[in-house]
N, C-alpha and C. Protein backbone atom coordinates (compact mmCIF):
# COMPACT_ATOMS: atom_id res chain seq x y z
N ALA A 1 -100.46 48.56 -8.83
CA ALA A 1 -100.46 48.03 -7.46
C ALA A 1 -99.07 48.15 -6.84
N LEU A 2 -98.04 47.87 -7.67
CA LEU A 2 -96.67 47.95 -7.16
C LEU A 2 -96.30 49.38 -6.79
N SER A 3 -96.71 50.34 -7.63
CA SER A 3 -96.41 51.73 -7.34
C SER A 3 -97.11 52.21 -6.08
N ARG A 4 -98.35 51.73 -5.85
CA ARG A 4 -99.07 52.08 -4.64
C ARG A 4 -98.40 51.49 -3.41
N LEU A 5 -97.93 50.27 -3.54
CA LEU A 5 -97.22 49.62 -2.43
C LEU A 5 -95.95 50.39 -2.09
N ARG A 6 -95.24 50.84 -3.11
CA ARG A 6 -94.02 51.62 -2.89
C ARG A 6 -94.34 52.96 -2.24
N LEU A 7 -95.45 53.58 -2.62
CA LEU A 7 -95.86 54.84 -2.01
C LEU A 7 -96.14 54.64 -0.53
N VAL A 8 -96.89 53.58 -0.21
CA VAL A 8 -97.20 53.28 1.20
C VAL A 8 -95.92 53.02 1.98
N LEU A 9 -95.01 52.26 1.38
CA LEU A 9 -93.74 51.95 2.04
C LEU A 9 -92.92 53.21 2.29
N ALA A 10 -92.90 54.13 1.31
CA ALA A 10 -92.14 55.38 1.47
C ALA A 10 -92.71 56.22 2.60
N VAL A 11 -94.04 56.33 2.67
CA VAL A 11 -94.68 57.11 3.72
C VAL A 11 -94.46 56.46 5.08
N LEU A 12 -94.61 55.14 5.16
CA LEU A 12 -94.41 54.44 6.43
C LEU A 12 -92.98 54.55 6.93
N SER A 13 -92.01 54.39 6.03
CA SER A 13 -90.61 54.47 6.45
C SER A 13 -90.27 55.86 6.97
N LEU A 14 -90.82 56.89 6.33
CA LEU A 14 -90.60 58.25 6.80
C LEU A 14 -91.25 58.46 8.16
N GLY A 15 -92.51 58.00 8.31
CA GLY A 15 -93.22 58.17 9.57
C GLY A 15 -92.56 57.44 10.71
N VAL A 16 -92.14 56.20 10.46
CA VAL A 16 -91.49 55.40 11.51
C VAL A 16 -90.15 56.01 11.91
N SER A 17 -89.39 56.50 10.95
CA SER A 17 -88.09 57.10 11.26
C SER A 17 -88.26 58.35 12.13
N LEU A 18 -89.27 59.18 11.79
CA LEU A 18 -89.52 60.38 12.59
C LEU A 18 -90.04 60.02 13.98
N LEU A 19 -90.91 59.01 14.06
CA LEU A 19 -91.47 58.61 15.35
C LEU A 19 -90.39 58.05 16.27
N LEU A 20 -89.54 57.19 15.75
CA LEU A 20 -88.46 56.62 16.55
C LEU A 20 -87.50 57.70 17.06
N SER A 21 -87.24 58.68 16.20
CA SER A 21 -86.35 59.77 16.61
C SER A 21 -87.03 60.65 17.65
N ALA A 22 -88.32 60.96 17.45
CA ALA A 22 -89.04 61.82 18.38
C ALA A 22 -89.15 61.18 19.76
N LEU A 23 -89.30 59.85 19.80
CA LEU A 23 -89.40 59.15 21.08
C LEU A 23 -88.05 58.89 21.73
N GLY A 24 -86.98 59.22 21.01
CA GLY A 24 -85.64 59.10 21.59
C GLY A 24 -85.02 57.72 21.50
N TYR A 25 -85.63 56.83 20.71
CA TYR A 25 -85.08 55.48 20.61
C TYR A 25 -83.86 55.43 19.70
N VAL A 26 -83.89 56.22 18.63
CA VAL A 26 -82.82 56.20 17.63
C VAL A 26 -82.50 57.65 17.25
N PRO A 27 -81.22 58.00 17.09
CA PRO A 27 -80.89 59.34 16.59
C PRO A 27 -81.49 59.57 15.21
N LEU A 28 -81.86 60.82 14.93
CA LEU A 28 -82.50 61.15 13.66
C LEU A 28 -81.63 60.77 12.46
N LEU A 29 -80.32 60.99 12.58
CA LEU A 29 -79.41 60.65 11.48
C LEU A 29 -79.50 59.18 11.13
N HIS A 30 -79.52 58.32 12.15
CA HIS A 30 -79.55 56.88 11.91
C HIS A 30 -80.89 56.44 11.33
N SER A 31 -81.99 56.96 11.89
CA SER A 31 -83.31 56.54 11.40
C SER A 31 -83.56 57.06 9.98
N ALA A 32 -83.12 58.28 9.70
CA ALA A 32 -83.31 58.83 8.35
C ALA A 32 -82.47 58.07 7.33
N ALA A 33 -81.24 57.72 7.71
CA ALA A 33 -80.38 56.96 6.80
C ALA A 33 -80.98 55.57 6.53
N ALA A 34 -81.52 54.95 7.57
CA ALA A 34 -82.14 53.63 7.40
C ALA A 34 -83.35 53.72 6.48
N ALA A 35 -84.16 54.76 6.66
CA ALA A 35 -85.33 54.95 5.79
C ALA A 35 -84.92 55.18 4.35
N ALA A 36 -83.85 55.96 4.15
CA ALA A 36 -83.37 56.23 2.79
C ALA A 36 -82.87 54.95 2.12
N PHE A 37 -82.09 54.15 2.86
CA PHE A 37 -81.59 52.89 2.30
C PHE A 37 -82.75 51.94 1.98
N LEU A 38 -83.76 51.92 2.86
CA LEU A 38 -84.92 51.05 2.64
C LEU A 38 -85.68 51.46 1.38
N GLN A 39 -85.85 52.76 1.18
CA GLN A 39 -86.59 53.23 0.01
C GLN A 39 -85.84 52.94 -1.29
N VAL A 40 -84.51 53.08 -1.25
CA VAL A 40 -83.72 52.74 -2.44
C VAL A 40 -83.75 51.24 -2.69
N GLY A 41 -83.62 50.46 -1.61
CA GLY A 41 -83.61 49.01 -1.74
C GLY A 41 -84.93 48.44 -2.25
N CYS A 42 -86.03 49.09 -1.88
CA CYS A 42 -87.34 48.60 -2.31
C CYS A 42 -87.81 49.22 -3.62
N GLY A 43 -86.98 50.05 -4.23
CA GLY A 43 -87.31 50.61 -5.54
C GLY A 43 -88.22 51.82 -5.50
N CYS A 44 -88.38 52.44 -4.32
CA CYS A 44 -89.20 53.66 -4.25
C CYS A 44 -88.55 54.78 -5.05
N LEU A 45 -87.24 54.78 -5.09
CA LEU A 45 -86.47 55.70 -5.91
C LEU A 45 -85.13 55.06 -6.24
N THR A 46 -84.51 55.54 -7.30
CA THR A 46 -83.23 54.97 -7.70
C THR A 46 -82.09 55.61 -6.91
N LEU A 47 -80.95 54.95 -6.94
CA LEU A 47 -79.78 55.50 -6.26
C LEU A 47 -79.39 56.85 -6.86
N GLU A 48 -79.53 56.97 -8.18
CA GLU A 48 -79.21 58.25 -8.84
C GLU A 48 -80.14 59.36 -8.37
N GLN A 49 -81.43 59.06 -8.23
CA GLN A 49 -82.38 60.05 -7.73
C GLN A 49 -82.04 60.46 -6.29
N ALA A 50 -81.65 59.48 -5.49
CA ALA A 50 -81.30 59.77 -4.10
C ALA A 50 -80.08 60.68 -4.03
N LEU A 51 -79.08 60.40 -4.84
CA LEU A 51 -77.87 61.23 -4.85
C LEU A 51 -78.16 62.63 -5.37
N ASN A 52 -79.02 62.73 -6.38
CA ASN A 52 -79.36 64.04 -6.94
C ASN A 52 -80.16 64.89 -5.96
N ALA A 53 -80.83 64.23 -5.01
CA ALA A 53 -81.62 64.96 -4.02
C ALA A 53 -80.75 65.65 -2.96
N ILE A 54 -79.47 65.25 -2.87
CA ILE A 54 -78.57 65.85 -1.89
C ILE A 54 -78.08 67.19 -2.43
N ASP A 55 -78.34 68.24 -1.68
CA ASP A 55 -77.89 69.59 -2.08
C ASP A 55 -76.53 69.84 -1.43
N PHE A 56 -75.47 69.62 -2.19
CA PHE A 56 -74.12 69.75 -1.64
C PHE A 56 -73.78 71.20 -1.31
N ARG A 57 -74.44 72.16 -1.96
CA ARG A 57 -74.21 73.56 -1.63
C ARG A 57 -74.69 73.86 -0.22
N VAL A 58 -75.84 73.27 0.16
CA VAL A 58 -76.35 73.46 1.51
C VAL A 58 -75.41 72.82 2.54
N LEU A 59 -74.95 71.61 2.23
CA LEU A 59 -74.01 70.93 3.13
C LEU A 59 -72.72 71.72 3.30
N LEU A 60 -72.23 72.29 2.18
CA LEU A 60 -71.01 73.08 2.24
C LEU A 60 -71.21 74.35 3.06
N THR A 61 -72.40 74.98 2.90
CA THR A 61 -72.70 76.19 3.66
C THR A 61 -72.74 75.89 5.16
N ILE A 62 -73.40 74.78 5.53
CA ILE A 62 -73.48 74.41 6.94
C ILE A 62 -72.10 74.09 7.49
N SER A 63 -71.31 73.34 6.72
CA SER A 63 -69.96 72.99 7.17
C SER A 63 -69.10 74.22 7.36
N ALA A 64 -69.18 75.17 6.41
CA ALA A 64 -68.38 76.39 6.52
C ALA A 64 -68.82 77.24 7.70
N SER A 65 -70.12 77.20 8.02
CA SER A 65 -70.61 78.02 9.13
C SER A 65 -70.07 77.55 10.47
N PHE A 66 -69.76 76.25 10.59
CA PHE A 66 -69.16 75.76 11.83
C PHE A 66 -67.78 76.38 12.03
N GLY A 67 -67.02 76.51 10.94
CA GLY A 67 -65.72 77.15 11.05
C GLY A 67 -65.83 78.60 11.45
N LEU A 68 -66.82 79.30 10.87
CA LEU A 68 -67.03 80.70 11.23
C LEU A 68 -67.48 80.83 12.67
N GLY A 69 -68.35 79.92 13.11
CA GLY A 69 -68.78 79.94 14.51
C GLY A 69 -67.63 79.70 15.47
N SER A 70 -66.74 78.78 15.12
CA SER A 70 -65.56 78.52 15.95
C SER A 70 -64.64 79.72 15.99
N ALA A 71 -64.50 80.41 14.85
CA ALA A 71 -63.65 81.60 14.80
C ALA A 71 -64.20 82.69 15.71
N ILE A 72 -65.51 82.87 15.68
CA ILE A 72 -66.13 83.89 16.54
C ILE A 72 -65.90 83.55 18.01
N GLU A 73 -65.98 82.27 18.33
CA GLU A 73 -65.79 81.85 19.73
C GLU A 73 -64.33 81.96 20.15
N ASN A 74 -63.40 81.49 19.31
CA ASN A 74 -61.98 81.47 19.67
C ASN A 74 -61.37 82.86 19.75
N THR A 75 -61.92 83.82 19.02
CA THR A 75 -61.41 85.19 19.08
C THR A 75 -62.12 86.03 20.14
N HIS A 76 -62.99 85.37 20.92
CA HIS A 76 -63.73 86.01 22.03
C HIS A 76 -64.71 87.08 21.54
N VAL A 77 -65.01 87.06 20.24
CA VAL A 77 -66.03 87.99 19.74
C VAL A 77 -67.38 87.64 20.33
N SER A 78 -67.65 86.33 20.51
CA SER A 78 -68.93 85.91 21.08
C SER A 78 -69.11 86.44 22.50
N SER A 79 -68.02 86.45 23.28
CA SER A 79 -68.11 86.98 24.64
C SER A 79 -68.42 88.47 24.64
N LEU A 80 -67.80 89.21 23.72
CA LEU A 80 -68.04 90.64 23.63
C LEU A 80 -69.48 90.93 23.19
N LEU A 81 -69.95 90.17 22.21
CA LEU A 81 -71.34 90.36 21.76
C LEU A 81 -72.32 89.97 22.86
N GLY A 82 -72.01 88.87 23.56
CA GLY A 82 -72.87 88.45 24.66
C GLY A 82 -72.94 89.50 25.76
N ALA A 83 -71.78 90.09 26.09
CA ALA A 83 -71.75 91.14 27.10
C ALA A 83 -72.50 92.38 26.65
N ALA A 84 -72.38 92.71 25.36
CA ALA A 84 -73.09 93.88 24.82
C ALA A 84 -74.60 93.68 24.86
N LEU A 85 -75.05 92.48 24.49
CA LEU A 85 -76.48 92.18 24.55
C LEU A 85 -76.98 92.16 25.99
N SER A 86 -76.17 91.60 26.88
CA SER A 86 -76.55 91.56 28.29
C SER A 86 -76.69 92.96 28.87
N ALA A 87 -75.84 93.89 28.41
CA ALA A 87 -75.88 95.26 28.91
C ALA A 87 -77.15 95.99 28.47
N LEU A 88 -77.78 95.53 27.39
CA LEU A 88 -79.00 96.16 26.91
C LEU A 88 -80.21 95.83 27.78
N GLU A 89 -80.20 94.64 28.38
CA GLU A 89 -81.39 94.15 29.06
C GLU A 89 -81.90 95.06 30.17
N PRO A 90 -81.02 95.64 31.04
CA PRO A 90 -81.55 96.51 32.10
C PRO A 90 -82.31 97.72 31.56
N TYR A 91 -81.97 98.16 30.36
CA TYR A 91 -82.63 99.33 29.78
C TYR A 91 -83.92 98.94 29.02
N LEU A 92 -84.03 97.67 28.67
CA LEU A 92 -85.16 97.25 27.86
C LEU A 92 -86.21 96.46 28.65
N GLY A 93 -85.75 95.62 29.56
CA GLY A 93 -86.65 94.66 30.19
C GLY A 93 -86.55 93.33 29.47
N ILE A 94 -87.04 92.28 30.11
CA ILE A 94 -86.85 90.93 29.58
C ILE A 94 -87.57 90.71 28.25
N VAL A 95 -88.86 91.07 28.18
CA VAL A 95 -89.62 90.80 26.95
C VAL A 95 -89.09 91.61 25.76
N PRO A 96 -88.85 92.93 25.89
CA PRO A 96 -88.25 93.66 24.75
C PRO A 96 -86.87 93.14 24.37
N PHE A 97 -86.09 92.72 25.37
CA PHE A 97 -84.77 92.17 25.09
C PHE A 97 -84.89 90.89 24.26
N LEU A 98 -85.82 90.01 24.63
CA LEU A 98 -86.03 88.79 23.86
C LEU A 98 -86.53 89.11 22.45
N ALA A 99 -87.31 90.19 22.32
CA ALA A 99 -87.77 90.61 20.99
C ALA A 99 -86.60 91.06 20.13
N VAL A 100 -85.64 91.77 20.73
CA VAL A 100 -84.43 92.19 20.00
C VAL A 100 -83.63 90.97 19.56
N LEU A 101 -83.49 90.00 20.46
CA LEU A 101 -82.74 88.79 20.14
C LEU A 101 -83.44 88.00 19.03
N PHE A 102 -84.76 87.90 19.10
CA PHE A 102 -85.51 87.20 18.06
C PHE A 102 -85.33 87.89 16.71
N SER A 103 -85.43 89.22 16.71
CA SER A 103 -85.30 89.97 15.46
C SER A 103 -83.92 89.78 14.85
N LEU A 104 -82.88 89.86 15.69
CA LEU A 104 -81.51 89.66 15.21
C LEU A 104 -81.34 88.28 14.60
N THR A 105 -81.86 87.27 15.28
CA THR A 105 -81.74 85.89 14.80
C THR A 105 -82.52 85.67 13.51
N ALA A 106 -83.77 86.15 13.48
CA ALA A 106 -84.62 85.95 12.31
C ALA A 106 -84.06 86.67 11.08
N LEU A 107 -83.57 87.89 11.28
CA LEU A 107 -83.02 88.65 10.15
C LEU A 107 -81.75 87.99 9.61
N THR A 108 -80.93 87.47 10.52
CA THR A 108 -79.73 86.76 10.09
C THR A 108 -80.10 85.50 9.32
N SER A 109 -81.14 84.81 9.79
CA SER A 109 -81.58 83.58 9.15
C SER A 109 -82.18 83.83 7.78
N CYS A 110 -82.63 85.06 7.52
CA CYS A 110 -83.16 85.40 6.19
C CYS A 110 -82.05 85.53 5.15
N VAL A 111 -80.82 85.70 5.61
CA VAL A 111 -79.69 85.89 4.70
C VAL A 111 -78.86 84.63 4.56
N VAL A 112 -78.61 83.96 5.68
CA VAL A 112 -77.88 82.69 5.67
C VAL A 112 -78.83 81.60 6.14
N SER A 113 -78.40 80.35 6.11
CA SER A 113 -79.28 79.26 6.52
C SER A 113 -79.54 79.30 8.02
N ASN A 114 -80.63 78.65 8.43
CA ASN A 114 -80.93 78.64 9.86
C ASN A 114 -79.88 77.89 10.66
N ALA A 115 -79.31 76.84 10.06
CA ALA A 115 -78.25 76.11 10.76
C ALA A 115 -77.03 77.00 10.98
N ALA A 116 -76.67 77.77 9.95
CA ALA A 116 -75.54 78.69 10.09
C ALA A 116 -75.83 79.77 11.12
N THR A 117 -77.07 80.25 11.16
CA THR A 117 -77.45 81.28 12.12
C THR A 117 -77.29 80.77 13.55
N VAL A 118 -77.75 79.55 13.79
CA VAL A 118 -77.64 78.97 15.14
C VAL A 118 -76.18 78.79 15.53
N VAL A 119 -75.38 78.30 14.58
CA VAL A 119 -73.95 78.12 14.87
C VAL A 119 -73.29 79.45 15.21
N LEU A 120 -73.65 80.50 14.49
CA LEU A 120 -73.04 81.81 14.69
C LEU A 120 -73.46 82.44 16.02
N LEU A 121 -74.74 82.31 16.36
CA LEU A 121 -75.27 83.04 17.52
C LEU A 121 -75.33 82.20 18.80
N TYR A 122 -75.16 80.89 18.68
CA TYR A 122 -75.24 80.05 19.88
C TYR A 122 -74.21 80.46 20.93
N SER A 123 -72.96 80.63 20.47
CA SER A 123 -71.90 80.98 21.43
C SER A 123 -72.13 82.35 22.04
N VAL A 124 -72.80 83.24 21.29
CA VAL A 124 -73.12 84.58 21.81
C VAL A 124 -74.16 84.46 22.92
N VAL A 125 -75.23 83.71 22.65
CA VAL A 125 -76.30 83.55 23.63
C VAL A 125 -75.80 82.78 24.85
N ARG A 126 -74.95 81.81 24.62
CA ARG A 126 -74.43 81.00 25.72
C ARG A 126 -73.63 81.84 26.70
N ASP A 127 -72.97 82.87 26.22
CA ASP A 127 -72.13 83.70 27.09
C ASP A 127 -72.89 84.84 27.77
N MET A 128 -74.19 84.93 27.53
CA MET A 128 -74.96 86.01 28.16
C MET A 128 -75.31 85.64 29.60
N ARG A 129 -75.20 86.60 30.49
CA ARG A 129 -75.56 86.41 31.90
C ARG A 129 -76.49 87.54 32.30
N ILE A 130 -77.79 87.23 32.43
CA ILE A 130 -78.79 88.25 32.71
C ILE A 130 -79.59 87.83 33.92
N GLU A 131 -79.67 88.70 34.90
CA GLU A 131 -80.42 88.40 36.12
C GLU A 131 -81.91 88.29 35.80
N GLY A 132 -82.52 87.25 36.32
CA GLY A 132 -83.95 87.03 36.11
C GLY A 132 -84.28 86.32 34.82
N LEU A 133 -83.25 85.92 34.07
CA LEU A 133 -83.46 85.25 32.79
C LEU A 133 -82.68 83.95 32.78
N ARG A 134 -83.38 82.85 32.66
CA ARG A 134 -82.70 81.56 32.58
C ARG A 134 -82.14 81.37 31.18
N ILE A 135 -81.02 80.65 31.08
CA ILE A 135 -80.34 80.49 29.80
C ILE A 135 -81.24 79.79 28.77
N SER A 136 -82.19 78.97 29.25
CA SER A 136 -83.07 78.27 28.32
C SER A 136 -84.02 79.22 27.60
N GLN A 137 -84.31 80.38 28.18
CA GLN A 137 -85.23 81.32 27.53
C GLN A 137 -84.62 81.94 26.26
N PRO A 138 -83.43 82.54 26.32
CA PRO A 138 -82.84 83.02 25.06
C PRO A 138 -82.53 81.90 24.09
N MET A 139 -82.25 80.70 24.60
CA MET A 139 -82.02 79.56 23.69
C MET A 139 -83.28 79.21 22.91
N LEU A 140 -84.44 79.25 23.59
CA LEU A 140 -85.70 79.00 22.91
C LEU A 140 -85.97 80.06 21.85
N VAL A 141 -85.70 81.32 22.19
CA VAL A 141 -85.89 82.42 21.24
C VAL A 141 -84.95 82.25 20.05
N LEU A 142 -83.71 81.84 20.31
CA LEU A 142 -82.74 81.60 19.24
C LEU A 142 -83.25 80.51 18.30
N MET A 143 -83.76 79.42 18.87
CA MET A 143 -84.25 78.30 18.07
C MET A 143 -85.44 78.72 17.21
N LEU A 144 -86.39 79.43 17.81
CA LEU A 144 -87.58 79.83 17.07
C LEU A 144 -87.27 80.94 16.05
N GLY A 145 -86.39 81.86 16.43
CA GLY A 145 -86.02 82.94 15.52
C GLY A 145 -85.30 82.42 14.28
N ALA A 146 -84.44 81.42 14.48
CA ALA A 146 -83.70 80.86 13.34
C ALA A 146 -84.61 80.12 12.38
N SER A 147 -85.78 79.72 12.86
CA SER A 147 -86.74 79.00 12.01
C SER A 147 -87.83 79.93 11.48
N SER A 148 -87.61 81.23 11.54
CA SER A 148 -88.63 82.21 11.11
C SER A 148 -88.13 83.06 9.95
N ALA A 149 -87.42 82.44 9.04
CA ALA A 149 -86.89 83.17 7.87
C ALA A 149 -87.96 83.25 6.80
N PHE A 150 -88.98 84.08 7.04
CA PHE A 150 -90.11 84.15 6.12
C PHE A 150 -89.98 85.27 5.10
N ALA A 151 -89.07 86.22 5.30
CA ALA A 151 -89.07 87.45 4.51
C ALA A 151 -88.27 87.35 3.22
N THR A 152 -87.49 86.29 3.04
CA THR A 152 -86.72 86.13 1.80
C THR A 152 -86.81 84.68 1.33
N PRO A 153 -86.69 84.44 0.04
CA PRO A 153 -86.70 83.06 -0.45
C PRO A 153 -85.38 82.34 -0.24
N ILE A 154 -84.33 83.07 0.10
CA ILE A 154 -83.00 82.46 0.22
C ILE A 154 -82.71 82.00 1.64
N GLY A 155 -83.62 82.24 2.58
CA GLY A 155 -83.35 81.89 3.96
C GLY A 155 -83.42 80.41 4.24
N TYR A 156 -84.20 79.69 3.44
CA TYR A 156 -84.35 78.26 3.70
C TYR A 156 -84.63 77.54 2.39
N GLN A 157 -84.24 76.26 2.32
CA GLN A 157 -84.35 75.52 1.08
C GLN A 157 -85.79 75.43 0.59
N THR A 158 -86.73 75.19 1.50
CA THR A 158 -88.13 75.04 1.08
C THR A 158 -88.69 76.35 0.53
N ASN A 159 -88.17 77.49 1.01
CA ASN A 159 -88.59 78.78 0.44
C ASN A 159 -88.24 78.83 -1.05
N LEU A 160 -87.05 78.38 -1.39
CA LEU A 160 -86.62 78.37 -2.79
C LEU A 160 -87.45 77.39 -3.61
N MET A 161 -87.80 76.26 -3.01
CA MET A 161 -88.61 75.27 -3.71
C MET A 161 -89.99 75.84 -4.01
N VAL A 162 -90.58 76.52 -3.03
CA VAL A 162 -91.91 77.11 -3.22
C VAL A 162 -91.85 78.25 -4.23
N GLN A 163 -90.77 79.03 -4.18
CA GLN A 163 -90.65 80.16 -5.10
C GLN A 163 -90.63 79.69 -6.56
N SER A 164 -89.86 78.66 -6.84
CA SER A 164 -89.77 78.19 -8.22
C SER A 164 -91.06 77.50 -8.65
N ALA A 165 -91.67 76.73 -7.74
CA ALA A 165 -92.89 76.01 -8.11
C ALA A 165 -94.08 76.96 -8.29
N GLY A 166 -94.17 77.99 -7.44
CA GLY A 166 -95.29 78.92 -7.51
C GLY A 166 -95.03 80.17 -8.33
N LYS A 167 -93.79 80.27 -8.86
CA LYS A 167 -93.40 81.43 -9.65
C LYS A 167 -93.58 82.75 -8.87
N TYR A 168 -93.18 82.70 -7.58
CA TYR A 168 -93.25 83.90 -6.75
C TYR A 168 -92.03 84.78 -7.00
N ARG A 169 -92.19 86.06 -6.74
CA ARG A 169 -91.08 87.00 -6.81
C ARG A 169 -90.45 87.16 -5.43
N PHE A 170 -89.24 87.72 -5.42
CA PHE A 170 -88.55 87.96 -4.15
C PHE A 170 -89.40 88.85 -3.25
N THR A 171 -90.00 89.88 -3.83
CA THR A 171 -90.78 90.84 -3.03
C THR A 171 -92.05 90.22 -2.46
N ASP A 172 -92.55 89.14 -3.06
CA ASP A 172 -93.73 88.47 -2.51
C ASP A 172 -93.43 87.92 -1.12
N PHE A 173 -92.23 87.36 -0.95
CA PHE A 173 -91.84 86.83 0.36
C PHE A 173 -91.71 87.96 1.38
N THR A 174 -91.14 89.08 0.95
CA THR A 174 -90.96 90.21 1.87
C THR A 174 -92.31 90.80 2.28
N ARG A 175 -93.19 90.94 1.32
CA ARG A 175 -94.48 91.56 1.59
C ARG A 175 -95.34 90.73 2.54
N LEU A 176 -95.29 89.42 2.39
CA LEU A 176 -96.10 88.55 3.24
C LEU A 176 -95.31 88.03 4.45
N GLY A 177 -94.01 87.82 4.26
CA GLY A 177 -93.21 87.22 5.33
C GLY A 177 -92.83 88.18 6.43
N ALA A 178 -92.56 89.46 6.09
CA ALA A 178 -92.15 90.43 7.10
C ALA A 178 -93.22 90.64 8.18
N PRO A 179 -94.50 90.84 7.81
CA PRO A 179 -95.52 90.96 8.86
C PRO A 179 -95.65 89.70 9.72
N LEU A 180 -95.48 88.54 9.09
CA LEU A 180 -95.54 87.28 9.84
C LEU A 180 -94.38 87.19 10.84
N MET A 181 -93.20 87.66 10.43
CA MET A 181 -92.06 87.67 11.35
C MET A 181 -92.31 88.61 12.52
N ILE A 182 -92.95 89.73 12.28
CA ILE A 182 -93.26 90.68 13.36
C ILE A 182 -94.24 90.04 14.35
N VAL A 183 -95.26 89.37 13.82
CA VAL A 183 -96.21 88.68 14.70
C VAL A 183 -95.51 87.60 15.52
N MET A 184 -94.66 86.82 14.86
CA MET A 184 -93.91 85.78 15.56
C MET A 184 -93.03 86.38 16.65
N CYS A 185 -92.39 87.49 16.34
CA CYS A 185 -91.50 88.16 17.30
C CYS A 185 -92.28 88.56 18.55
N ILE A 186 -93.44 89.15 18.36
CA ILE A 186 -94.25 89.61 19.50
C ILE A 186 -94.72 88.42 20.34
N VAL A 187 -95.25 87.40 19.66
CA VAL A 187 -95.80 86.24 20.37
C VAL A 187 -94.71 85.48 21.11
N VAL A 188 -93.60 85.21 20.43
CA VAL A 188 -92.52 84.42 21.03
C VAL A 188 -91.90 85.16 22.22
N SER A 189 -91.63 86.44 22.08
CA SER A 189 -90.98 87.19 23.16
C SER A 189 -91.89 87.28 24.39
N ILE A 190 -93.19 87.46 24.19
CA ILE A 190 -94.12 87.54 25.33
C ILE A 190 -94.28 86.18 26.00
N VAL A 191 -94.48 85.13 25.20
CA VAL A 191 -94.70 83.79 25.76
C VAL A 191 -93.45 83.29 26.48
N VAL A 192 -92.30 83.37 25.82
CA VAL A 192 -91.06 82.88 26.43
C VAL A 192 -90.65 83.74 27.62
N GLY A 193 -90.83 85.06 27.50
CA GLY A 193 -90.46 85.95 28.60
C GLY A 193 -91.27 85.75 29.85
N ASN A 194 -92.52 85.27 29.71
CA ASN A 194 -93.39 85.08 30.87
C ASN A 194 -93.65 83.60 31.16
N MET A 195 -92.85 82.75 30.59
CA MET A 195 -93.05 81.31 30.78
C MET A 195 -92.66 80.90 32.19
N PRO A 196 -93.51 80.13 32.89
CA PRO A 196 -93.17 79.67 34.25
C PRO A 196 -91.93 78.79 34.24
N GLU A 197 -91.18 78.83 35.33
CA GLU A 197 -89.95 78.04 35.40
C GLU A 197 -90.23 76.55 35.28
N SER A 198 -91.41 76.12 35.73
CA SER A 198 -91.73 74.69 35.68
C SER A 198 -91.84 74.18 34.24
N LEU A 199 -92.09 75.07 33.29
CA LEU A 199 -92.21 74.67 31.89
C LEU A 199 -90.91 74.83 31.11
N LEU A 200 -89.92 75.47 31.72
CA LEU A 200 -88.66 75.68 31.04
C LEU A 200 -87.76 74.46 31.16
N PRO A 201 -87.02 74.15 30.12
CA PRO A 201 -86.09 72.99 30.21
C PRO A 201 -84.91 73.30 31.11
């Protein structure tokens, strides 16, 4: 009975923390930290288990990527890349251009973490100036592309978790994930490229 109560408490604390964050009442960091402290305090997991669940390699990778992103911005490399991407758009059109941006973002995210990809490419996208394209459109493509690392197991932590649990090979992700990325690229670029202004942030 006690273990069932702890299970219910763990699920409820997670659900409430996500709901409060989604509704904008509390920042996600604060609600997640409160849920974690509550679960440790109520015995859902031990402090040692909680500490072991923290992947410091991921935290270090994300922290280092901020420095790399700042370096790209401070050396004006982001401005040059943004100008180069902007120069492609007249020759491609809006939807193919967004497809190129999605592909670049997704492929980068397959090699480094999605957080690092966003940090690296945000300043590039921010500096783009394209007639007929609102800045929110490439930002949406950047966000969705960074979350589409399906072709490798190293692109995201859950990919690695699934690989070890299911005993998948590296090529299994490429064989199934690459076609999914292509489908996502087509759908996202068409939908975002033709999205009415009233629906854009």
